[in-house]
C-alpha atoms as a PDB file:
ATOM      1  CA  UNK A   1       6.151  10.770   6.283  1.00  0.00           C
ATOM      2  CA  UNK A   2       4.408  14.054   5.665  1.00  0.00           C
ATOM      3  CA  UNK A   3       0.897  15.507   5.324  1.00  0.00           C
ATOM      4  CA  UNK A   4      -0.410  13.040   7.933  1.00  0.00           C
ATOM      5  CA  UNK A   5       0.253  10.153   5.554  1.00  0.00           C
ATOM      6  CA  UNK A   6       2.651   7.212   5.876  1.00  0.00           C
ATOM      7  CA  UNK A   7       4.024   6.387   2.423  1.00  0.00           C
ATOM      8  CA  UNK A   8       4.646   2.644   1.989  1.00  0.00           C
ATOM      9  CA  UNK A   9       5.696   2.717  -1.685  1.00  0.00           C
ATOM     10  CA  UNK A  10       4.860   4.722  -4.822  1.00  0.00           C
ATOM     11  CA  UNK A  11       1.370   3.246  -5.143  1.00  0.00           C
ATOM     12  CA  UNK A  12       0.433   2.769  -1.485  1.00  0.00           C
ATOM     13  CA  UNK A  13       0.059   5.180   1.399  1.00  0.00           C
ATOM     14  CA  UNK A  14      -1.776   4.994   4.710  1.00  0.00           C
ATOM     15  CA  UNK A  15      -3.473   7.963   6.399  1.00  0.00           C
ATOM     16  CA  UNK A  16      -2.147   8.345   9.943  1.00  0.00           C
ATOM     17  CA  UNK A  17      -5.762   8.644  11.117  1.00  0.00           C
ATOM     18  CA  UNK A  18      -6.085   4.863  10.541  1.00  0.00           C
ATOM     19  CA  UNK A  19      -3.160   4.146  12.878  1.00  0.00           C
ATOM     20  CA  UNK A  20      -3.683   4.182  16.638  1.00  0.00           C
ATOM     21  CA  UNK A  21      -0.567   5.237  18.536  1.00  0.00           C
ATOM     22  CA  UNK A  22      -0.495   4.994  22.314  1.00  0.00           C
ATOM     23  CA  UNK A  23       2.323   5.794  24.749  1.00  0.00           C
ATOM     24  CA  UNK A  24       2.899   3.055  27.309  1.00  0.00           C
ATOM     25  CA  UNK A  25       5.305   2.594  30.193  1.00  0.00           C
ATOM     26  CA  UNK A  26       8.671   1.259  29.229  1.00  0.00           C
ATOM     27  CA  UNK A  27      10.544  -1.353  31.236  1.00  0.00           C
ATOM     28  CA  UNK A  28      14.258  -1.649  31.792  1.00  0.00           C
ATOM     29  CA  UNK A  29      16.813   0.673  33.392  1.00  0.00           C
ATOM     30  CA  UNK A  30      16.097   4.318  34.114  1.00  0.00           C
ATOM     31  CA  UNK A  31      15.715   4.672  37.871  1.00  0.00           C
ATOM     32  CA  UNK A  32      12.721   6.497  39.322  1.00  0.00           C
ATOM     33  CA  UNK A  33      12.173   8.424  36.075  1.00  0.00           C
ATOM     34  CA  UNK A  34      11.048   5.294  34.208  1.00  0.00           C
ATOM     35  CA  UNK A  35       8.102   4.898  36.609  1.00  0.00           C
ATOM     36  CA  UNK A  36       6.808   8.406  35.842  1.00  0.00           C
ATOM     37  CA  UNK A  37       6.940   8.687  32.057  1.00  0.00           C
ATOM     38  CA  UNK A  38       5.513   6.658  29.188  1.00  0.00           C
ATOM     39  CA  UNK A  39       8.216   6.563  26.530  1.00  0.00           C
ATOM     40  CA  UNK A  40       7.407   3.251  24.866  1.00  0.00           C
ATOM     41  CA  UNK A  41       4.996   3.278  21.927  1.00  0.00           C
ATOM     42  CA  UNK A  42       2.291   0.796  20.999  1.00  0.00           C
ATOM     43  CA  UNK A  43       1.114   1.148  17.423  1.00  0.00           C
ATOM     44  CA  UNK A  44      -2.075  -0.575  16.222  1.00  0.00           C
ATOM     45  CA  UNK A  45      -3.175  -0.815  12.615  1.00  0.00           C
ATOM     46  CA  UNK A  46      -6.526  -2.477  11.916  1.00  0.00           C
ATOM     47  CA  UNK A  47      -6.336  -4.213   8.542  1.00  0.00           C
ATOM     48  CA  UNK A  48     -10.087  -4.927   8.393  1.00  0.00           C
ATOM     49  CA  UNK A  49     -10.927  -1.204   8.588  1.00  0.00           C
ATOM     50  CA  UNK A  50      -7.966  -0.039   6.476  1.00  0.00           C
ATOM     51  CA  UNK A  51      -8.522   1.991   3.314  1.00  0.00           C
ATOM     52  CA  UNK A  52      -6.532  -0.486   1.223  1.00  0.00           C
ATOM     53  CA  UNK A  53      -7.665  -2.437  -1.799  1.00  0.00           C
ATOM     54  CA  UNK A  54      -9.116  -5.878  -1.098  1.00  0.00           C
ATOM     55  CA  UNK A  55      -6.197  -7.537  -2.907  1.00  0.00           C
ATOM     56  CA  UNK A  56      -3.652  -5.769  -0.691  1.00  0.00           C
ATOM     57  CA  UNK A  57      -5.684  -6.518   2.464  1.00  0.00           C
ATOM     58  CA  UNK A  58      -5.896 -10.220   1.615  1.00  0.00           C
ATOM     59  CA  UNK A  59      -2.169 -10.450   0.898  1.00  0.00           C
ATOM     60  CA  UNK A  60      -1.310  -8.673   4.168  1.00  0.00           C
ATOM     61  CA  UNK A  61      -3.741 -10.820   6.174  1.00  0.00           C
ATOM     62  CA  UNK A  62      -2.291 -13.988   4.640  1.00  0.00           C
ATOM     63  CA  UNK A  63       1.373 -13.089   5.032  1.00  0.00           C
ATOM     64  CA  UNK A  64       1.104 -11.447   8.453  1.00  0.00           C
ATOM     65  CA  UNK A  65      -1.425 -13.902   9.923  1.00  0.00           C
ATOM     66  CA  UNK A  66       0.903 -14.861  12.796  1.00  0.00           C
ATOM     67  CA  UNK A  67       1.263 -11.202  13.836  1.00  0.00           C
ATOM     68  CA  UNK A  68      -2.384 -10.115  13.603  1.00  0.00           C
ATOM     69  CA  UNK A  69      -4.920 -10.331  16.440  1.00  0.00           C
ATOM     70  CA  UNK A  70      -8.392 -11.851  16.095  1.00  0.00           C
ATOM     71  CA  UNK A  71      -9.767  -8.339  15.616  1.00  0.00           C
ATOM     72  CA  UNK A  72      -7.478  -7.856  12.611  1.00  0.00           C
ATOM     73  CA  UNK A  73      -5.004  -5.506  14.296  1.00  0.00           C
ATOM     74  CA  UNK A  74      -1.303  -5.510  13.569  1.00  0.00           C
ATOM     75  CA  UNK A  75       0.442  -4.465  16.809  1.00  0.00           C
ATOM     76  CA  UNK A  76       3.960  -3.038  16.907  1.00  0.00           C
ATOM     77  CA  UNK A  77       5.678  -1.958  20.124  1.00  0.00           C
ATOM     78  CA  UNK A  78       8.884   0.037  20.348  1.00  0.00           C
ATOM     79  CA  UNK A  79      10.794   1.011  23.471  1.00  0.00           C
ATOM     80  CA  UNK A  80      14.333   1.047  22.101  1.00  0.00           C
ATOM     81  CA  UNK A  81      15.075   4.676  23.020  1.00  0.00           C
ATOM     82  CA  UNK A  82      14.183   6.959  25.930  1.00  0.00           C
ATOM     83  CA  UNK A  83      12.518   9.450  23.599  1.00  0.00           C
ATOM     84  CA  UNK A  84       8.810   9.001  22.955  1.00  0.00           C
ATOM     85  CA  UNK A  85       9.021  10.853  19.615  1.00  0.00           C
ATOM     86  CA  UNK A  86      11.928   8.700  18.428  1.00  0.00           C
ATOM     87  CA  UNK A  87      10.120   5.498  19.476  1.00  0.00           C
ATOM     88  CA  UNK A  88       7.022   6.722  17.611  1.00  0.00           C
ATOM     89  CA  UNK A  89       9.053   7.246  14.440  1.00  0.00           C
ATOM     90  CA  UNK A  90      10.770   3.860  14.824  1.00  0.00           C
ATOM     91  CA  UNK A  91       7.395   2.123  15.262  1.00  0.00           C
ATOM     92  CA  UNK A  92       6.035   3.818  12.121  1.00  0.00           C
ATOM     93  CA  UNK A  93       9.183   2.809  10.223  1.00  0.00           C
ATOM     94  CA  UNK A  94       8.727  -0.811  11.371  1.00  0.00           C
ATOM     95  CA  UNK A  95       5.075  -0.742  10.246  1.00  0.00           C
ATOM     96  CA  UNK A  96       6.172   0.572   6.849  1.00  0.00           C
ATOM     97  CA  UNK A  97       8.885  -2.096   6.527  1.00  0.00           C
ATOM     98  CA  UNK A  98       6.534  -4.892   7.649  1.00  0.00           C
ATOM     99  CA  UNK A  99       3.931  -3.918   5.054  1.00  0.00           C
ATOM    100  CA  UNK A 100       6.568  -3.521   2.321  1.00  0.00           C
ATOM    101  CA  UNK A 101       7.926  -7.018   3.024  1.00  0.00           C
ATOM    102  CA  UNK A 102       4.427  -8.527   3.038  1.00  0.00           C
ATOM    103  CA  UNK A 103       3.604  -6.944  -0.330  1.00  0.00           C
ATOM    104  CA  UNK A 104       6.546  -8.544  -2.139  1.00  0.00           C
ATOM    105  CA  UNK A 105       5.282 -11.247  -4.469  1.00  0.00           C
ATOM    106  CA  UNK A 106       7.112 -14.529  -4.068  1.00  0.00           C
ATOM    107  CA  UNK A 107       8.501 -16.088  -7.203  1.00  0.00           C
ATOM    108  CA  UNK A 108       6.779 -19.307  -8.176  1.00  0.00           C
ATOM    109  CA  UNK A 109       9.170 -22.207  -7.783  1.00  0.00           C
ATOM    110  CA  UNK A 110       9.654 -24.300 -10.874  1.00  0.00           C
ATOM    111  CA  UNK A 111      10.863 -27.750  -9.816  1.00  0.00           C
ATOM    112  CA  UNK A 112      13.897 -28.946 -11.725  1.00  0.00           C
ATOM    113  CA  UNK A 113      14.391 -32.510 -12.911  1.00  0.00           C
ATOM    114  CA  UNK A 114      17.343 -34.556 -11.801  1.00  0.00           C
ATOM    115  CA  UNK A 115      19.496 -35.436 -14.769  1.00  0.00           C
ATOM    116  CA  UNK A 116      20.090 -39.068 -15.767  1.00  0.00           C
ATOM    117  CA  UNK A 117      23.809 -38.586 -15.171  1.00  0.00           C
ATOM    118  CA  UNK A 118      23.180 -37.442 -11.574  1.00  0.00           C
ATOM    119  CA  UNK A 119      20.889 -40.432 -10.941  1.00  0.00           C
ATOM    120  CA  UNK A 120      23.529 -42.801 -12.318  1.00  0.00           C
ATOM    121  CA  UNK A 121      26.245 -41.174 -10.149  1.00  0.00           C
ATOM    122  CA  UNK A 122      24.064 -41.492  -7.032  1.00  0.00           C
ATOM    123  CA  UNK A 123      23.422 -45.174  -7.811  1.00  0.00           C
ATOM    124  CA  UNK A 124      27.150 -45.849  -8.271  1.00  0.00           C
ATOM    125  CA  UNK A 125      27.960 -44.033  -5.018  1.00  0.00           C
ATOM    126  CA  UNK A 126      25.439 -46.183  -3.118  1.00  0.00           C
ATOM    127  CA  UNK A 127      26.895 -49.395  -4.603  1.00  0.00           C
ATOM    128  CA  UNK A 128      30.438 -48.239  -3.778  1.00  0.00           C
ATOM    129  CA  UNK A 129      29.478 -47.414  -0.180  1.00  0.00           C
ATOM    130  CA  UNK A 130      27.694 -50.764   0.182  1.00  0.00           C
ATOM    131  CA  UNK A 131      30.746 -52.713  -1.026  1.00  0.00           C
ATOM    132  CA  UNK A 132      33.049 -50.745   1.269  1.00  0.00           C
ATOM    133  CA  UNK A 133      30.865 -51.583   4.281  1.00  0.00           C
ATOM    134  CA  UNK A 134      30.597 -55.227   3.199  1.00  0.00           C
ATOM    135  CA  UNK A 135      34.392 -55.513   3.369  1.00  0.00           C
ATOM    136  CA  UNK A 136      34.285 -54.368   7.009  1.00  0.00           C
ATOM    137  CA  UNK A 137      32.052 -57.270   8.023  1.00  0.00           C
ATOM    138  CA  UNK A 138      33.486 -60.198   9.875  1.00  0.00           C
ATOM    139  CA  UNK A 139      33.975 -63.316   7.790  1.00  0.00           C
ATOM    140  CA  UNK A 140      32.814 -66.512   9.514  1.00  0.00           C
ATOM    141  CA  UNK A 141      34.406 -69.879   8.633  1.00  0.00           C
END
C-alpha cells in the first residue's frame, strides 16, 4: 500500500479515498484504558460507488453477497491488537484478501461418466450384500 492506493493485484487497485475507515471502541480485556480509547477499526467499502469495472463489481457482488449490506457496503472489523494503526493495516489486508478471493474464477466442472465396469461392480456388490442378509433371516418350517 502506497500513494494512497490499495493494490489488489497487478490489474486492480483501489484508491483509499473510496474506503471509509472509522475507529471504534474495542471490547475484551484492557482494564480502564479500554473504555477511553478506540483501537478497533471498522472499514467500509461501498461496491456500488467503487471505481471498478462493471464486470468486477458484478463478480464481487455475486460472490460476496452474504457479506454485503443492502446499501452495497462490505464491512470489515478488526480489533485483534491494541494498536489502532496495526488494526487499520490488518483490516486493509483483509479487504485486499477478500477481494482477491472473490475475483478468482471458478473452474467449470465437467461431469464424468461412470464406467460400465464400475456399474457392473456396484450391481454385483448389491447382489452379494442382499444374499448375505438373506442368509441371516430366520427360516420358518
